[in-house]
Amino acid sequence: GLLLELLQVELQARRPGDVGAAAAELEALAERALGQGDTAHARLGFHMLSYLRWEEGDLSDAQRHMMRAEVVSRAGDERAQVVAMAEAARCLVLLERDLPRAEALALEASARSSRLGLRPSAIADAQGMLRQHQGSLAEAAELFEESRVEAHREGDAMGEFQALEHLVILRQQQGDWAGARRLAVELDALGGKLREGSEAPFARALLALSRHALGEAGAEDALEAALEELRRADAKLRLAYALTRAARLDLDRGRPGRARARAEEARGAAEALARPTEALLAKLTLVRACRELAEDSEAGRLLGELHAVAAVGAAEIARREVADLLAEAARGAATGREGFPEEGA
């Protein structure tokens, strides 16, 4: 148990040089704690292991260890169970996997936390992501704000960063670039206080995206530098998000060649992680870039893939965009425009 607590301090301070060795040590210690009946430390070990695997892009292992932490917590006190359920719900939504189970876990954690007089920040964060996924953006914003406040009160810097990160992304989704910029400045300051990882580079990318959208001088160079940092950190999900939004800004500025390259890279990263929302948004952006470049055959091929794709698990925004693009393509085909959407789609 003491070794696990020391490892927690070490992992919060810096990223391990040998992730494989750190993961093996964590798993061995968690199994030993479980064998000794120390469920609290076993849960801590599996929880840390999940986030370590998340950082490395091993999403299946991340999910497996987080769900193991939730199962182990059932033998402990009710407070530990509530925290574990909330963390498991947030993990499932982050991975876009088994969202009905994530909803059920978040609801149960919320109900039980009310009886216990506690409110772990992960509950509101998980519920906010679920509402955002469903397209209820106003409710999601309120939940992210709640999660941010609770995490700050708990002294949980990483939890505070995650809630604020989700709020910045939501503002960008709404097209509120000024609001996103203001929040991204705070996120950048918070990211600088965390250990080395992809958090600080992503905060810089979100800030640069917001500044770029607002037409600020120097924002493009800052964005490219942040993207390169995310590549070096191998943060595929965060890189995919930033690349797709950068590509869309490129299209707005009449730079389809750069947009195509960025959207193609974003699609590869998102598909490698099996993240349906980001993969669909990247592909949609790629279709538009190909059309602007008069690459009709490639745009048609991608449209064909969108016809066949099952958008199960993707967020409402992605499903809606796919439906709109395919409907516009059908109208274009009816008027002899080879199935491409109208300008401005």
Protein backbone atom coordinates (compact mmCIF):
# COMPACT_ATOMS: atom_id res chain seq x y z
CA GLY A 1 0.00 0.00 0.00
CA LEU A 2 2.78 2.43 0.85
CA LEU A 3 4.57 1.61 -2.38
CA LEU A 4 1.41 2.37 -4.35
CA GLU A 5 1.01 5.70 -2.55
CA LEU A 6 4.64 6.58 -3.31
CA LEU A 7 4.15 5.63 -6.95
CA GLN A 8 1.12 7.90 -7.05
CA VAL A 9 3.25 10.83 -5.88
CA GLU A 10 5.97 9.93 -8.40
CA LEU A 11 3.56 9.60 -11.34
CA GLN A 12 1.87 12.89 -10.47
CA ALA A 13 5.27 14.58 -10.47
CA ARG A 14 6.65 13.25 -13.73
CA ARG A 15 5.97 10.89 -16.59
CA PRO A 16 7.87 7.60 -16.22
CA GLY A 17 10.84 7.07 -18.48
CA ASP A 18 9.94 3.41 -18.98
CA VAL A 19 6.15 3.23 -19.16
CA GLY A 20 6.13 -0.56 -19.60
CA ALA A 21 8.14 -1.11 -16.43
CA ALA A 22 6.00 1.35 -14.47
CA ALA A 23 2.80 -0.33 -15.67
CA ALA A 24 4.11 -3.78 -14.75
CA GLU A 25 5.05 -2.58 -11.27
CA LEU A 26 1.67 -0.95 -10.75
CA GLU A 27 -0.22 -4.06 -11.85
CA ALA A 28 1.88 -6.35 -9.64
CA LEU A 29 1.38 -4.13 -6.59
CA ALA A 30 -2.35 -3.77 -7.25
CA GLU A 31 -2.71 -7.56 -7.50
CA ARG A 32 -0.73 -8.00 -4.24
CA ALA A 33 -2.92 -5.45 -2.47
CA LEU A 34 -6.02 -7.24 -3.72
CA GLY A 35 -4.65 -10.57 -2.53
CA GLN A 36 -4.10 -9.11 0.93
CA GLY A 37 -7.63 -7.76 1.09
CA ASP A 38 -6.52 -4.13 0.76
CA THR A 39 -9.18 -3.10 -1.74
CA ALA A 40 -8.55 0.64 -1.31
CA HIS A 41 -4.96 0.38 -2.52
CA ALA A 42 -5.86 -2.20 -5.17
CA ARG A 43 -8.38 0.26 -6.60
CA LEU A 44 -5.76 3.03 -6.51
CA GLY A 45 -3.31 0.84 -8.41
CA PHE A 46 -5.74 -0.13 -11.16
CA HIS A 47 -6.93 3.48 -11.41
CA MET A 48 -3.37 4.77 -11.94
CA LEU A 49 -2.68 1.97 -14.39
CA SER A 50 -5.73 2.97 -16.43
CA TYR A 51 -4.57 6.56 -16.80
CA LEU A 52 -1.06 5.45 -17.63
CA ARG A 53 -2.44 3.32 -20.47
CA TRP A 54 -4.73 6.17 -21.57
CA GLU A 55 -1.73 8.45 -21.94
CA GLU A 56 -0.01 5.84 -24.09
CA GLY A 57 -3.05 5.49 -26.36
CA ASP A 58 -3.82 1.92 -25.28
CA LEU A 59 -7.54 2.52 -24.88
CA SER A 60 -8.63 -1.10 -24.49
CA ASP A 61 -6.24 -1.60 -21.58
CA ALA A 62 -7.27 1.74 -20.10
CA GLN A 63 -10.90 0.66 -20.13
CA ARG A 64 -10.11 -2.78 -18.72
CA HIS A 65 -8.12 -1.45 -15.76
CA MET A 66 -10.61 1.32 -14.94
CA MET A 67 -13.49 -1.15 -14.90
CA ARG A 68 -11.39 -3.46 -12.72
CA ALA A 69 -10.89 -0.57 -10.30
CA GLU A 70 -14.67 -0.10 -10.17
CA VAL A 71 -15.30 -3.80 -9.51
CA VAL A 72 -12.63 -3.91 -6.78
CA SER A 73 -14.16 -0.87 -5.07
CA ARG A 74 -17.39 -2.77 -4.42
CA ALA A 75 -15.68 -4.57 -1.54
CA GLY A 76 -14.70 -1.25 0.07
CA ASP A 77 -16.62 1.54 1.76
CA GLU A 78 -19.42 3.35 -0.04
CA ARG A 79 -17.43 6.55 -0.57
CA ALA A 80 -14.74 4.64 -2.45
CA GLN A 81 -17.45 2.95 -4.52
CA VAL A 82 -18.95 6.30 -5.54
CA VAL A 83 -15.57 7.68 -6.61
CA ALA A 84 -14.77 4.51 -8.56
CA MET A 85 -18.13 4.54 -10.35
CA ALA A 86 -17.68 8.19 -11.29
CA GLU A 87 -14.18 7.58 -12.62
CA ALA A 88 -15.35 4.53 -14.58
CA ALA A 89 -18.21 6.53 -16.12
CA ARG A 90 -15.83 9.30 -17.17
CA CYS A 91 -13.40 6.75 -18.64
CA LEU A 92 -16.10 5.10 -20.76
CA VAL A 93 -17.28 8.43 -22.16
CA LEU A 94 -13.72 9.54 -22.92
CA LEU A 95 -13.28 6.31 -24.87
CA GLU A 96 -16.77 6.52 -26.46
CA ARG A 97 -17.44 2.96 -25.40
CA ASP A 98 -20.53 1.46 -23.74
CA LEU A 99 -22.22 4.84 -23.22
CA PRO A 100 -25.42 3.35 -21.71
CA ARG A 101 -23.27 1.79 -18.98
CA ALA A 102 -21.47 5.10 -18.50
CA GLU A 103 -24.84 6.84 -18.07
CA ALA A 104 -25.98 4.23 -15.55
CA LEU A 105 -22.75 4.47 -13.54
CA ALA A 106 -22.89 8.27 -13.47
CA LEU A 107 -26.54 8.25 -12.35
CA GLU A 108 -25.88 5.74 -9.58
CA ALA A 109 -22.79 7.60 -8.42
CA SER A 110 -24.77 10.85 -8.35
CA ALA A 111 -27.65 9.34 -6.35
CA ARG A 112 -25.36 7.69 -3.83
CA SER A 113 -23.14 10.73 -3.47
CA SER A 114 -26.17 12.82 -2.50
CA ARG A 115 -26.91 10.46 0.40
CA LEU A 116 -23.28 10.59 1.51
CA GLY A 117 -22.95 14.36 1.24
CA LEU A 118 -20.10 14.31 -1.29
CA ARG A 119 -19.85 15.16 -4.96
CA PRO A 120 -16.69 13.87 -6.72
CA SER A 121 -15.81 16.13 -9.66
CA ALA A 122 -15.74 13.13 -12.00
CA ILE A 123 -19.53 12.76 -11.71
CA ALA A 124 -20.33 16.17 -13.21
CA ASP A 125 -17.53 15.81 -15.77
CA ALA A 126 -18.86 12.44 -16.95
CA GLN A 127 -22.42 13.74 -17.09
CA GLY A 128 -21.26 16.85 -18.95
CA MET A 129 -19.52 14.76 -21.60
CA LEU A 130 -22.62 12.60 -21.95
CA ARG A 131 -24.85 15.68 -22.43
CA GLN A 132 -22.37 17.13 -24.93
CA HIS A 133 -22.33 13.82 -26.80
CA GLN A 134 -26.14 13.98 -26.97
CA GLY A 135 -26.11 17.59 -28.21
CA SER A 136 -27.38 19.23 -24.98
CA LEU A 137 -24.66 21.85 -24.90
CA ALA A 138 -26.12 24.31 -22.38
CA GLU A 139 -26.57 21.57 -19.78
CA ALA A 140 -23.09 20.22 -20.56
CA ALA A 141 -21.54 23.65 -19.95
CA GLU A 142 -23.18 23.88 -16.51
CA LEU A 143 -21.91 20.43 -15.57
CA PHE A 144 -18.35 21.18 -16.71
CA GLU A 145 -18.39 24.36 -14.60
CA GLU A 146 -19.61 22.34 -11.61
CA SER A 147 -16.89 19.74 -12.15
CA ARG A 148 -14.25 22.43 -12.44
CA VAL A 149 -15.29 24.06 -9.15
CA GLU A 150 -15.45 20.72 -7.31
CA ALA A 151 -12.05 19.63 -8.60
CA HIS A 152 -10.51 22.93 -7.50
CA ARG A 153 -12.08 22.53 -4.07
CA GLU A 154 -10.70 18.98 -3.83
CA GLY A 155 -7.23 20.14 -4.86
CA ASP A 156 -7.42 17.85 -7.90
CA ALA A 157 -5.42 19.78 -10.52
CA MET A 158 -5.81 17.09 -13.19
CA GLY A 159 -9.55 16.88 -12.67
CA GLU A 160 -9.78 20.67 -12.86
CA PHE A 161 -7.77 20.63 -16.10
CA GLN A 162 -10.02 17.99 -17.66
CA ALA A 163 -13.23 19.85 -16.82
CA LEU A 164 -11.85 23.14 -18.13
CA GLU A 165 -10.49 21.40 -21.25
CA HIS A 166 -13.94 20.02 -21.99
CA LEU A 167 -15.48 23.45 -21.48
CA VAL A 168 -13.03 25.07 -23.93
CA ILE A 169 -13.83 22.40 -26.53
CA LEU A 170 -17.55 22.96 -26.00
CA ARG A 171 -17.17 26.72 -26.56
CA GLN A 172 -15.24 26.03 -29.76
CA GLN A 173 -17.99 23.64 -30.87
CA GLN A 174 -20.50 26.45 -30.32
CA GLY A 175 -18.38 28.85 -32.37
CA ASP A 176 -17.80 31.06 -29.30
CA TRP A 177 -14.13 31.62 -30.09
CA ALA A 178 -13.79 34.64 -27.80
CA GLY A 179 -15.18 32.65 -24.86
CA ALA A 180 -12.96 29.71 -25.78
CA ARG A 181 -9.92 31.98 -25.90
CA ARG A 182 -10.61 33.40 -22.44
CA LEU A 183 -10.97 29.94 -20.92
CA ALA A 184 -7.98 28.59 -22.87
CA VAL A 185 -5.74 31.22 -21.26
CA GLU A 186 -6.74 29.80 -17.86
CA LEU A 187 -6.24 26.25 -19.15
CA ASP A 188 -2.76 27.14 -20.43
CA ALA A 189 -1.79 28.48 -17.00
CA LEU A 190 -3.15 25.36 -15.29
CA GLY A 191 -1.44 23.04 -17.79
CA GLY A 192 1.90 24.61 -16.93
CA LYS A 193 1.50 23.39 -13.34
CA LEU A 194 0.97 19.74 -14.31
CA ARG A 195 3.69 17.21 -14.93
CA GLU A 196 5.07 16.56 -18.38
CA GLY A 197 2.49 14.98 -20.68
CA SER A 198 0.09 16.06 -23.41
CA GLU A 199 -1.98 18.38 -21.19
CA ALA A 200 0.20 21.49 -21.53
CA PRO A 201 0.73 21.12 -25.31
CA PHE A 202 -2.99 20.58 -25.81
CA ALA A 203 -3.79 23.68 -23.76
CA ARG A 204 -1.44 25.63 -26.02
CA ALA A 205 -3.11 24.10 -29.10
CA LEU A 206 -6.60 25.07 -27.89
CA LEU A 207 -5.44 28.60 -27.15
CA ALA A 208 -3.71 28.88 -30.54
CA LEU A 209 -6.82 27.56 -32.32
CA SER A 210 -8.98 30.16 -30.59
CA ARG A 211 -6.54 32.95 -31.39
CA HIS A 212 -6.25 31.76 -35.00
CA ALA A 213 -10.05 31.72 -35.39
CA LEU A 214 -10.12 35.30 -34.11
CA GLY A 215 -7.45 36.33 -36.62
CA GLU A 216 -4.77 37.24 -34.08
CA ALA A 217 -1.21 37.82 -35.27
CA GLY A 218 1.23 34.99 -34.60
CA ALA A 219 -1.51 32.46 -33.89
CA GLU A 220 -0.72 30.24 -36.89
CA ASP A 221 2.90 29.79 -35.85
CA ALA A 222 1.83 29.05 -32.28
CA LEU A 223 -0.69 26.50 -33.55
CA GLU A 224 1.89 24.68 -35.69
CA ALA A 225 4.31 24.56 -32.76
CA ALA A 226 1.60 23.12 -30.48
CA LEU A 227 0.64 20.50 -33.08
CA GLU A 228 4.25 19.39 -33.31
CA GLU A 229 4.39 19.05 -29.51
CA LEU A 230 1.31 16.84 -29.58
CA ARG A 231 2.92 14.68 -32.28
CA ARG A 232 6.02 14.24 -30.12
CA ALA A 233 3.86 13.33 -27.13
CA ASP A 234 2.01 10.78 -29.33
CA ALA A 235 -1.28 12.18 -28.02
CA LYS A 236 -3.40 10.83 -30.88
CA LEU A 237 -6.85 11.85 -29.65
CA ARG A 238 -5.89 15.40 -28.74
CA LEU A 239 -3.88 15.70 -31.94
CA ALA A 240 -6.84 14.50 -34.02
CA TYR A 241 -9.12 17.10 -32.44
CA ALA A 242 -6.66 19.96 -32.99
CA LEU A 243 -5.84 18.93 -36.56
CA THR A 244 -9.49 18.68 -37.64
CA ARG A 245 -10.34 22.11 -36.21
CA ALA A 246 -7.21 23.59 -37.77
CA ALA A 247 -8.20 22.05 -41.10
CA ARG A 248 -11.64 23.62 -40.89
CA LEU A 249 -10.09 27.02 -40.24
CA ASP A 250 -7.83 26.42 -43.25
CA LEU A 251 -10.90 25.82 -45.41
CA ASP A 252 -12.48 29.02 -44.13
CA ARG A 253 -9.32 30.86 -45.20
CA GLY A 254 -9.14 29.32 -48.66
CA ARG A 255 -6.29 26.88 -47.99
CA PRO A 256 -7.69 23.51 -49.08
CA GLY A 257 -4.27 21.91 -49.61
CA ARG A 258 -3.21 22.41 -46.02
CA ALA A 259 -6.71 21.45 -44.86
CA ARG A 260 -6.52 18.18 -46.78
CA ALA A 261 -3.17 17.21 -45.24
CA ARG A 262 -4.32 18.01 -41.73
CA ALA A 263 -7.66 16.24 -42.12
CA GLU A 264 -5.95 13.14 -43.50
CA GLU A 265 -3.56 13.04 -40.54
CA ALA A 266 -6.46 13.60 -38.12
CA ARG A 267 -8.46 10.76 -39.65
CA GLY A 268 -5.53 8.38 -39.28
CA ALA A 269 -5.03 9.25 -35.62
CA ALA A 270 -8.74 9.00 -34.77
CA GLU A 271 -9.24 5.72 -36.60
CA ALA A 272 -6.19 4.23 -34.87
CA LEU A 273 -7.98 4.86 -31.57
CA ALA A 274 -11.39 3.73 -32.89
CA ARG A 275 -12.92 7.07 -31.86
CA PRO A 276 -16.06 7.40 -34.03
CA THR A 277 -16.75 11.10 -33.46
CA GLU A 278 -13.30 12.40 -34.33
CA ALA A 279 -12.93 9.92 -37.21
CA LEU A 280 -16.21 11.08 -38.76
CA LEU A 281 -15.47 14.79 -38.32
CA ALA A 282 -12.02 14.34 -39.86
CA LYS A 283 -13.49 12.46 -42.83
CA LEU A 284 -16.17 15.10 -43.34
CA THR A 285 -13.49 17.79 -43.38
CA LEU A 286 -11.46 15.72 -45.82
CA VAL A 287 -14.42 15.46 -48.22
CA ARG A 288 -14.77 19.23 -48.27
CA ALA A 289 -11.05 19.76 -48.78
CA CYS A 290 -11.00 17.30 -51.70
CA ARG A 291 -13.93 19.03 -53.27
CA GLU A 292 -12.20 22.42 -53.03
CA LEU A 293 -9.14 20.87 -54.70
CA ALA A 294 -11.34 19.40 -57.49
CA GLU A 295 -10.37 15.87 -56.42
CA ASP A 296 -13.78 14.60 -57.44
CA SER A 297 -13.02 10.88 -57.45
CA GLU A 298 -11.53 10.94 -53.94
CA ALA A 299 -14.39 13.07 -52.62
CA GLY A 300 -16.85 10.62 -54.17
CA ARG A 301 -15.06 7.65 -52.65
CA LEU A 302 -15.14 9.24 -49.20
CA LEU A 303 -18.82 10.07 -49.61
CA GLY A 304 -19.40 6.41 -50.41
CA GLU A 305 -17.69 5.46 -47.16
CA LEU A 306 -19.91 7.88 -45.28
CA HIS A 307 -22.95 6.20 -46.84
CA ALA A 308 -21.77 2.86 -45.51
CA VAL A 309 -20.42 3.94 -42.13
CA ALA A 310 -22.30 3.08 -38.97
CA ALA A 311 -22.23 6.20 -36.80
CA VAL A 312 -23.10 4.23 -33.67
CA GLY A 313 -21.21 5.72 -30.76
CA ALA A 314 -20.50 9.03 -32.50
CA ALA A 315 -21.66 12.29 -30.97
CA GLU A 316 -24.79 14.05 -32.16
CA ILE A 317 -22.78 16.79 -33.88
CA ALA A 318 -20.98 14.23 -36.06
CA ARG A 319 -24.12 12.27 -36.90
CA ARG A 320 -25.92 15.47 -37.84
CA GLU A 321 -23.07 16.64 -40.08
CA VAL A 322 -22.94 13.27 -41.85
CA ALA A 323 -26.70 13.34 -42.46
CA ASP A 324 -26.55 16.92 -43.77
CA LEU A 325 -23.64 16.22 -46.10
CA LEU A 326 -25.23 13.09 -47.54
CA ALA A 327 -28.56 14.89 -48.05
CA GLU A 328 -26.83 17.74 -49.85
CA ALA A 329 -24.87 15.26 -51.96
CA ALA A 330 -28.11 13.56 -52.95
CA ARG A 331 -29.60 16.90 -53.98
CA GLY A 332 -26.45 17.66 -55.97
CA ALA A 333 -26.69 14.30 -57.74
CA ALA A 334 -30.30 15.04 -58.66
CA THR A 335 -29.20 18.26 -60.36
CA GLY A 336 -26.24 16.65 -62.12
CA ARG A 337 -23.49 17.86 -59.76
CA GLU A 338 -21.96 14.41 -59.27
CA GLY A 339 -23.22 14.00 -55.74
CA PHE A 340 -21.27 16.84 -54.17
CA PRO A 341 -22.74 19.20 -51.60
CA GLU A 342 -23.60 22.80 -52.27
CA GLU A 343 -21.00 25.51 -51.59
CA GLY A 344 -20.75 26.39 -47.92
CA ALA A 345 -21.90 22.97 -46.70
